[in-house]
C-alpha atoms as a PDB file:
ATOM      1  CA  MET A   1      35.758  51.203  43.942  1.00  0.00           C
ATOM      2  CA  GLY A   2      33.631  53.867  45.568  1.00  0.00           C
ATOM      3  CA  ARG A   3      32.919  53.937  49.223  1.00  0.00           C
ATOM      4  CA  HIS A   4      29.197  52.979  48.635  1.00  0.00           C
ATOM      5  CA  LEU A   5      30.103  49.940  46.754  1.00  0.00           C
ATOM      6  CA  ILE A   6      32.581  48.862  49.327  1.00  0.00           C
ATOM      7  CA  ARG A   7      30.134  49.356  52.112  1.00  0.00           C
ATOM      8  CA  THR A   8      27.430  47.327  50.212  1.00  0.00           C
ATOM      9  CA  PHE A   9      29.738  44.465  49.718  1.00  0.00           C
ATOM     10  CA  ALA A  10      30.949  44.454  53.242  1.00  0.00           C
ATOM     11  CA  GLU A  11      27.480  44.772  54.852  1.00  0.00           C
ATOM     12  CA  GLU A  12      25.133  43.186  52.479  1.00  0.00           C
ATOM     13  CA  TRP A  13      26.862  40.791  49.989  1.00  0.00           C
ATOM     14  CA  VAL A  14      29.307  38.982  52.382  1.00  0.00           C
ATOM     15  CA  VAL A  15      27.152  36.491  54.285  1.00  0.00           C
ATOM     16  CA  GLY A  16      29.976  34.619  56.003  1.00  0.00           C
ATOM     17  CA  LEU A  17      33.616  33.930  56.164  1.00  0.00           C
ATOM     18  CA  THR A  18      35.512  30.691  56.936  1.00  0.00           C
ATOM     19  CA  ASP A  19      39.118  30.445  57.845  1.00  0.00           C
ATOM     20  CA  LEU A  20      40.469  27.532  55.770  1.00  0.00           C
ATOM     21  CA  THR A  21      44.109  28.049  57.044  1.00  0.00           C
ATOM     22  CA  PRO A  22      44.370  24.613  58.840  1.00  0.00           C
ATOM     23  CA  GLN A  23      42.914  22.674  55.873  1.00  0.00           C
ATOM     24  CA  VAL A  24      45.115  24.542  53.431  1.00  0.00           C
ATOM     25  CA  ARG A  25      48.146  23.867  55.382  1.00  0.00           C
ATOM     26  CA  LYS A  26      47.291  20.171  55.718  1.00  0.00           C
ATOM     27  CA  ALA A  27      46.456  20.090  51.939  1.00  0.00           C
ATOM     28  CA  ALA A  28      49.795  21.614  51.096  1.00  0.00           C
ATOM     29  CA  ALA A  29      51.728  19.040  53.069  1.00  0.00           C
ATOM     30  CA  LEU A  30      49.744  16.231  51.487  1.00  0.00           C
ATOM     31  CA  VAL A  31      50.576  17.637  47.908  1.00  0.00           C
ATOM     32  CA  ARG A  32      54.267  18.028  49.001  1.00  0.00           C
ATOM     33  CA  ASN A  33      54.132  14.308  49.962  1.00  0.00           C
ATOM     34  CA  GLY A  34      52.524  13.094  46.605  1.00  0.00           C
ATOM     35  CA  CYS A  35      48.923  12.680  47.984  1.00  0.00           C
ATOM     36  CA  ALA A  36      47.067  15.194  45.897  1.00  0.00           C
ATOM     37  CA  PRO A  37      43.756  13.363  45.791  1.00  0.00           C
ATOM     38  CA  GLN A  38      43.613  13.437  49.557  1.00  0.00           C
ATOM     39  CA  ALA A  39      44.396  17.121  49.686  1.00  0.00           C
ATOM     40  CA  GLN A  40      41.685  17.719  47.067  1.00  0.00           C
ATOM     41  CA  ARG A  41      39.118  16.254  49.560  1.00  0.00           C
ATOM     42  CA  LEU A  42      40.079  18.704  52.289  1.00  0.00           C
ATOM     43  CA  LEU A  43      39.114  21.794  50.170  1.00  0.00           C
ATOM     44  CA  PRO A  44      35.637  23.182  49.368  1.00  0.00           C
ATOM     45  CA  ALA A  45      34.009  21.929  46.299  1.00  0.00           C
ATOM     46  CA  GLU A  46      34.220  24.349  43.468  1.00  0.00           C
ATOM     47  CA  ARG A  47      30.846  25.662  42.131  1.00  0.00           C
ATOM     48  CA  VAL A  48      29.926  27.477  39.031  1.00  0.00           C
ATOM     49  CA  TYR A  49      28.270  30.703  39.591  1.00  0.00           C
ATOM     50  CA  PRO A  50      25.169  31.013  37.410  1.00  0.00           C
ATOM     51  CA  VAL A  51      24.948  34.281  35.511  1.00  0.00           C
ATOM     52  CA  SER A  52      22.502  35.521  32.850  1.00  0.00           C
ATOM     53  CA  ARG A  53      23.429  35.360  29.091  1.00  0.00           C
ATOM     54  CA  SER A  54      23.491  39.141  28.933  1.00  0.00           C
ATOM     55  CA  LEU A  55      25.927  39.381  31.875  1.00  0.00           C
ATOM     56  CA  GLU A  56      27.918  36.495  30.503  1.00  0.00           C
ATOM     57  CA  SER A  57      28.375  38.352  27.211  1.00  0.00           C
ATOM     58  CA  HIS A  58      29.867  41.233  29.075  1.00  0.00           C
ATOM     59  CA  LEU A  59      32.120  39.084  31.226  1.00  0.00           C
ATOM     60  CA  SER A  60      33.480  36.915  28.407  1.00  0.00           C
ATOM     61  CA  PRO A  61      36.515  38.117  26.199  1.00  0.00           C
ATOM     62  CA  VAL A  62      35.680  38.832  22.719  1.00  0.00           C
END
C-alpha cells in the first residue's frame, strides 16, 4: 500500500478502536470450559458489510 492510502485509512476511515482483550480472554476461558454459547454473547455481533453488485463481482472468486 502506498503512503497516501495508509494515511487516508488511519486519518479518515478509522472512526474508533475498542480493546476487546478482556472480553476475548473471558470468552476463551468459557469455551475451554464448555460454555461456548455464553462466550458468544461476550463478543460483538457480526454484521454483513453492504457492497454494490459491481464491487461484489470484483471481490467474489470466479
